[in-house]
Amino acid sequence: MNNFKYIIITPAKNEEKYIEKTILSVINQTVLPLKWVIVDDGSTDSTSDIVKRYLKDHAFIKLVQKEKTDTRNFGNKVFAIREGFKEISNLDYNFYCNLDADVSFEPDYFERLLKKFEINPKLGICGGKVYDLVNNHFIKQQSGENSVAGPIQFFRKECYIEINGYTFSKVGLVDAIAEVTARMRGWETKTFPEIVVKHHRRTSSENNNNYKIALREGKTDYHLGYHPSWHLLRSVARIGTPPIILGSILRTFSFAKCYWVKEKRTVNKEFINFIRKEELNKIKDKIKSILRIKN
């Protein structure tokens, strides 16, 4: 396991409800990280106090505390990660994990993923399958196997360097942009459904209700450059996600509004062309699968 050298960076803001679950998951791993940098991004609750309880007995954990701020935003996450990298600049590592402070997983989680990297040298980003906690039940996130959820993206170091890391965006999407850019550069990105991650709150749920989440998802589809036809397919596929039916209407309304006002997209033309080519290939594969079933 000499090549299983990895580091973790966790941006955390007001995570007192969840962060201990994440800490217990990491310190009980069969393969521990060289360093785990937890960047407290100006929490106003007891997040840092919880982390401090574990520092003495676990020397690989490093706590970085930034000044307190009143808001959570997408830029803060990127800047917090950059702060974390300053703490590991002198380390020799092969893999990096962006780990949110509200997830938990089994003790062999990282060992299993490191073995996936070992088997496939073209694997650039991977992770387990995320299940969101919704109404006291863990619900599997609906995403393709080549899409790795933002809270647990695990990078080969060379891949992260080649894509220039996470890119700041006013509308978020840093994880989606990272994985698509990796595929553009020839890397494979993969979620392994047999490796389970529990996400103790629904994605984007902080200070949002289901209606706001649906509106944001429509805007997200637009800024990633999704073709309108692909957006509609995605929206119909999520018709049963709360708020039922209305959520799909809100997603498409938000998507269409961005088109109407010609909102400047976050990504460039090369990125849009690539992602639309991926969409077309997925549609072709789906049609072929349906035809094989009928025959």
Protein backbone atom coordinates (compact mmCIF):
# COMPACT_ATOMS: atom_id res chain seq x y z
CA MET A 1 0.00 0.00 0.00
CA ASN A 2 2.99 2.31 -0.47
CA ASN A 3 1.18 4.06 -3.31
CA PHE A 4 -1.97 4.55 -1.24
CA LYS A 5 -0.85 7.98 -0.08
CA TYR A 6 -3.75 10.38 -0.01
CA ILE A 7 -4.78 13.64 1.59
CA ILE A 8 -8.23 15.02 2.43
CA ILE A 9 -9.41 18.61 2.53
CA THR A 10 -12.75 19.42 4.14
CA PRO A 11 -14.30 22.89 3.92
CA ALA A 12 -16.68 23.22 6.87
CA LYS A 13 -19.05 25.98 7.89
CA ASN A 14 -21.57 25.54 10.70
CA GLU A 15 -21.48 21.74 10.53
CA GLU A 16 -21.90 20.95 14.23
CA LYS A 17 -24.85 18.64 13.48
CA TYR A 18 -22.91 16.40 11.12
CA ILE A 19 -19.14 16.76 11.29
CA GLU A 20 -18.59 14.21 14.06
CA LYS A 21 -20.10 11.53 11.82
CA THR A 22 -17.53 12.43 9.17
CA ILE A 23 -14.67 12.48 11.69
CA LEU A 24 -15.56 9.05 13.04
CA SER A 25 -15.74 7.68 9.50
CA VAL A 26 -12.26 8.95 8.63
CA ILE A 27 -10.38 8.04 11.82
CA ASN A 28 -11.68 4.46 11.56
CA GLN A 29 -10.45 3.92 8.01
CA THR A 30 -8.38 0.81 7.25
CA VAL A 31 -6.03 3.08 5.27
CA LEU A 32 -5.61 6.46 6.95
CA PRO A 33 -4.75 9.67 5.07
CA LEU A 34 -1.33 11.28 5.31
CA LYS A 35 -3.08 14.50 6.30
CA TRP A 36 -6.65 15.66 6.72
CA VAL A 37 -7.03 19.42 6.64
CA ILE A 38 -10.35 20.67 7.98
CA VAL A 39 -10.85 24.31 7.05
CA ASP A 40 -13.38 25.94 9.34
CA ASP A 41 -14.70 28.63 7.05
CA GLY A 42 -15.79 31.10 9.73
CA SER A 43 -18.31 28.93 11.59
CA THR A 44 -20.48 30.60 14.19
CA ASP A 45 -21.39 27.33 15.92
CA SER A 46 -19.30 24.63 17.67
CA THR A 47 -17.79 23.08 14.50
CA SER A 48 -14.20 23.91 15.50
CA ASP A 49 -14.72 22.77 19.10
CA ILE A 50 -15.84 19.35 17.88
CA VAL A 51 -12.79 19.02 15.63
CA LYS A 52 -10.42 20.11 18.40
CA ARG A 53 -11.52 17.17 20.55
CA TYR A 54 -9.87 14.82 18.05
CA LEU A 55 -6.61 16.66 17.31
CA LYS A 56 -4.56 15.30 20.21
CA ASP A 57 -5.16 11.61 19.45
CA HIS A 58 -5.07 11.91 15.66
CA ALA A 59 -1.98 13.80 14.53
CA PHE A 60 -2.91 13.57 10.84
CA ILE A 61 -5.83 15.97 11.41
CA LYS A 62 -5.08 19.66 10.95
CA LEU A 63 -7.61 22.39 11.77
CA VAL A 64 -7.42 25.72 9.95
CA GLN A 65 -9.75 28.45 11.18
CA LYS A 66 -10.74 31.35 8.96
CA GLU A 67 -12.44 34.54 10.10
CA LYS A 68 -16.15 34.36 10.84
CA THR A 69 -18.52 35.36 8.06
CA ASP A 70 -22.31 35.64 7.96
CA THR A 71 -22.96 33.87 4.67
CA ARG A 72 -22.42 30.59 2.86
CA ASN A 73 -21.60 30.85 -0.84
CA PHE A 74 -20.07 28.79 -3.60
CA GLY A 75 -16.88 30.82 -3.79
CA ASN A 76 -16.08 30.19 -0.14
CA LYS A 77 -15.76 26.46 -0.74
CA VAL A 78 -13.14 26.93 -3.46
CA PHE A 79 -11.18 29.43 -1.39
CA ALA A 80 -11.31 27.16 1.66
CA ILE A 81 -9.92 24.26 -0.38
CA ARG A 82 -7.07 26.48 -1.58
CA GLU A 83 -6.31 27.33 2.05
CA GLY A 84 -6.20 23.63 2.79
CA PHE A 85 -3.69 22.94 0.02
CA LYS A 86 -1.28 25.41 1.63
CA GLU A 87 -1.04 23.00 4.56
CA ILE A 88 0.02 20.00 2.45
CA SER A 89 2.44 21.67 0.01
CA ASN A 90 5.42 19.75 1.45
CA LEU A 91 3.75 16.32 1.39
CA ASP A 92 4.36 13.54 -1.13
CA TYR A 93 0.91 12.19 -1.97
CA ASN A 94 -0.79 10.50 -4.92
CA PHE A 95 -4.47 11.20 -4.35
CA TYR A 96 -6.65 14.01 -3.02
CA CYS A 97 -10.22 13.85 -1.72
CA ASN A 98 -12.59 16.77 -1.39
CA LEU A 99 -14.73 15.62 1.52
CA ASP A 100 -17.75 17.50 2.79
CA ALA A 101 -18.39 17.62 6.55
CA ASP A 102 -21.81 15.98 6.45
CA VAL A 103 -21.15 12.47 5.12
CA SER A 104 -20.35 9.06 6.61
CA PHE A 105 -19.14 5.74 5.18
CA GLU A 106 -17.73 2.30 6.02
CA PRO A 107 -14.19 1.77 7.44
CA ASP A 108 -12.87 0.34 4.15
CA TYR A 109 -14.21 3.18 2.02
CA PHE A 110 -10.90 4.73 1.00
CA GLU A 111 -9.09 1.40 0.71
CA ARG A 112 -11.65 0.16 -1.80
CA LEU A 113 -11.43 3.34 -3.88
CA LEU A 114 -7.62 3.35 -3.81
CA LYS A 115 -7.69 -0.18 -5.21
CA LYS A 116 -9.93 1.08 -8.04
CA PHE A 117 -7.29 3.68 -8.88
CA GLU A 118 -4.62 0.98 -8.79
CA ILE A 119 -6.52 -1.23 -11.24
CA ASN A 120 -7.30 1.56 -13.72
CA PRO A 121 -4.50 4.09 -14.42
CA LYS A 122 -6.90 6.25 -16.49
CA LEU A 123 -9.29 6.70 -13.56
CA GLY A 124 -9.05 10.38 -12.66
CA ILE A 125 -11.97 10.94 -10.27
CA CYS A 126 -14.04 8.41 -8.36
CA GLY A 127 -16.30 8.01 -5.35
CA GLY A 128 -19.02 5.93 -3.78
CA LYS A 129 -22.74 6.19 -4.40
CA VAL A 130 -24.30 8.96 -2.33
CA TYR A 131 -27.61 8.52 -0.52
CA ASP A 132 -29.23 11.76 0.69
CA LEU A 133 -31.18 11.88 3.95
CA VAL A 134 -34.71 12.94 3.00
CA ASN A 135 -37.59 12.73 5.50
CA ASN A 136 -35.60 10.35 7.72
CA HIS A 137 -34.84 7.98 4.85
CA PHE A 138 -31.67 7.68 2.77
CA ILE A 139 -32.57 8.14 -0.90
CA LYS A 140 -30.12 7.27 -3.68
CA GLN A 141 -28.98 10.25 -5.74
CA GLN A 142 -30.10 10.03 -9.36
CA SER A 143 -26.96 10.35 -11.47
CA GLY A 144 -24.97 8.43 -14.03
CA GLU A 145 -22.05 6.21 -13.08
CA ASN A 146 -19.61 8.60 -14.76
CA SER A 147 -20.72 11.42 -12.46
CA VAL A 148 -19.10 11.65 -9.02
CA ALA A 149 -20.99 13.55 -6.33
CA GLY A 150 -19.35 16.78 -5.17
CA PRO A 151 -19.23 15.94 -1.44
CA ILE A 152 -16.86 13.00 -1.99
CA GLN A 153 -14.86 13.59 -5.19
CA PHE A 154 -11.60 11.61 -4.95
CA PHE A 155 -8.90 12.68 -7.44
CA ARG A 156 -5.74 11.18 -8.80
CA LYS A 157 -3.22 13.94 -8.17
CA GLU A 158 -2.17 14.17 -11.83
CA CYS A 159 -5.79 14.62 -12.88
CA TYR A 160 -6.42 17.41 -10.37
CA ILE A 161 -3.31 19.24 -11.53
CA GLU A 162 -4.18 18.84 -15.21
CA ILE A 163 -7.65 20.39 -14.79
CA ASN A 164 -6.19 23.19 -12.61
CA GLY A 165 -8.25 22.11 -9.64
CA TYR A 166 -11.62 23.52 -8.72
CA THR A 167 -12.62 26.66 -10.60
CA PHE A 168 -14.46 29.48 -8.87
CA SER A 169 -17.99 30.04 -10.12
CA LYS A 170 -20.64 32.45 -8.85
CA VAL A 171 -23.36 29.84 -9.45
CA GLY A 172 -21.49 26.90 -7.97
CA LEU A 173 -21.05 23.80 -10.17
CA VAL A 174 -17.40 23.47 -9.18
CA ASP A 175 -17.65 19.67 -8.87
CA ALA A 176 -19.56 19.24 -12.15
CA ILE A 177 -17.11 21.46 -14.03
CA ALA A 178 -14.19 19.51 -12.55
CA GLU A 179 -15.44 16.08 -13.63
CA VAL A 180 -16.48 17.14 -17.14
CA THR A 181 -13.14 18.91 -17.64
CA ALA A 182 -11.38 15.73 -16.51
CA ARG A 183 -13.22 13.70 -19.16
CA MET A 184 -12.37 16.36 -21.75
CA ARG A 185 -8.71 15.76 -20.89
CA GLY A 186 -9.06 12.00 -21.39
CA TRP A 187 -9.55 10.89 -17.79
CA GLU A 188 -12.29 8.52 -16.66
CA THR A 189 -14.68 9.53 -13.89
CA LYS A 190 -16.72 6.88 -12.11
CA THR A 191 -19.09 6.31 -9.21
CA PHE A 192 -19.03 2.81 -7.76
CA PRO A 193 -22.61 1.99 -6.68
CA GLU A 194 -21.53 -0.88 -4.44
CA ILE A 195 -19.64 1.58 -2.20
CA VAL A 196 -22.20 3.51 -0.17
CA VAL A 197 -21.90 7.06 1.22
CA LYS A 198 -24.54 8.50 3.52
CA HIS A 199 -25.12 12.22 3.02
CA HIS A 200 -26.89 13.44 6.12
CA ARG A 201 -28.81 16.17 4.38
CA ARG A 202 -30.11 16.67 0.89
CA THR A 203 -27.76 18.37 -1.57
CA SER A 204 -28.20 22.17 -1.63
CA SER A 205 -30.66 21.97 1.24
CA GLU A 206 -28.98 24.53 3.50
CA ASN A 207 -31.30 27.54 3.77
CA ASN A 208 -33.34 26.25 0.80
CA ASN A 209 -36.68 24.54 0.35
CA ASN A 210 -37.65 22.11 -2.41
CA TYR A 211 -38.95 24.92 -4.62
CA LYS A 212 -35.71 26.90 -4.46
CA ILE A 213 -33.72 23.73 -5.09
CA ALA A 214 -35.76 22.98 -8.23
CA LEU A 215 -35.24 26.53 -9.53
CA ARG A 216 -31.52 26.26 -8.89
CA GLU A 217 -31.31 22.91 -10.69
CA GLY A 218 -32.83 24.46 -13.81
CA LYS A 219 -30.29 27.26 -13.70
CA THR A 220 -27.54 24.71 -13.16
CA ASP A 221 -28.56 22.79 -16.30
CA TYR A 222 -28.35 26.02 -18.29
CA HIS A 223 -24.96 27.07 -16.97
CA LEU A 224 -23.45 23.64 -17.64
CA GLY A 225 -24.51 24.01 -21.27
CA TYR A 226 -27.10 21.24 -21.39
CA HIS A 227 -29.09 21.05 -24.63
CA PRO A 228 -32.78 21.99 -24.10
CA SER A 229 -33.87 18.49 -25.14
CA TRP A 230 -31.55 16.91 -22.59
CA HIS A 231 -32.79 19.27 -19.90
CA LEU A 232 -36.40 18.30 -20.64
CA LEU A 233 -35.53 14.60 -20.40
CA ARG A 234 -33.85 15.20 -17.04
CA SER A 235 -36.75 17.28 -15.82
CA VAL A 236 -39.32 14.63 -16.76
CA ALA A 237 -37.17 11.95 -15.10
CA ARG A 238 -37.36 13.91 -11.84
CA ILE A 239 -41.13 14.44 -11.98
CA GLY A 240 -41.56 12.32 -8.84
CA THR A 241 -39.01 14.27 -6.82
CA PRO A 242 -40.60 16.68 -4.30
CA PRO A 243 -42.31 18.95 -5.05
CA ILE A 244 -43.93 16.33 -7.31
CA ILE A 245 -44.70 17.59 -10.87
CA LEU A 246 -44.33 21.23 -9.80
CA GLY A 247 -40.60 20.66 -9.29
CA SER A 248 -40.16 19.68 -12.95
CA ILE A 249 -42.17 22.73 -14.04
CA LEU A 250 -40.00 25.02 -11.91
CA ARG A 251 -36.77 23.47 -13.26
CA THR A 252 -37.82 24.07 -16.84
CA PHE A 253 -39.11 27.57 -16.06
CA SER A 254 -35.74 28.48 -14.54
CA PHE A 255 -33.86 26.91 -17.46
CA ALA A 256 -36.01 28.76 -20.04
CA LYS A 257 -35.68 32.06 -18.18
CA CYS A 258 -31.88 31.87 -18.42
CA TYR A 259 -32.23 31.31 -22.18
CA TRP A 260 -34.71 34.18 -22.52
CA VAL A 261 -32.48 36.75 -20.83
CA LYS A 262 -29.37 35.28 -22.53
CA GLU A 263 -27.60 34.88 -19.20
CA LYS A 264 -23.85 34.51 -19.63
CA ARG A 265 -22.86 30.90 -19.05
CA THR A 266 -20.18 29.82 -16.61
CA VAL A 267 -18.50 27.44 -19.10
CA ASN A 268 -16.96 28.02 -22.52
CA LYS A 269 -17.96 26.73 -25.97
CA GLU A 270 -15.52 23.82 -25.91
CA PHE A 271 -17.06 22.61 -22.67
CA ILE A 272 -20.62 22.95 -24.05
CA ASN A 273 -19.78 21.07 -27.25
CA PHE A 274 -18.22 18.25 -25.24
CA ILE A 275 -21.08 17.87 -22.78
CA ARG A 276 -23.67 17.90 -25.58
CA LYS A 277 -21.74 15.18 -27.40
CA GLU A 278 -21.87 13.14 -24.19
CA GLU A 279 -25.64 13.75 -23.99
CA LEU A 280 -26.15 12.56 -27.56
CA ASN A 281 -24.16 9.39 -26.91
CA LYS A 282 -26.25 8.68 -23.79
CA ILE A 283 -29.46 9.04 -25.79
CA LYS A 284 -28.12 6.69 -28.50
CA ASP A 285 -27.09 4.13 -25.87
CA LYS A 286 -30.54 4.32 -24.27
CA ILE A 287 -32.29 3.76 -27.60
CA LYS A 288 -30.03 0.78 -28.37
CA SER A 289 -30.78 -0.66 -24.92
CA ILE A 290 -34.54 -0.34 -25.49
CA LEU A 291 -34.30 -1.95 -28.91
CA ARG A 292 -32.30 -4.88 -27.51
CA ILE A 293 -34.96 -5.45 -24.84
CA LYS A 294 -37.76 -5.46 -27.45
CA ASN A 295 -35.87 -7.94 -29.61
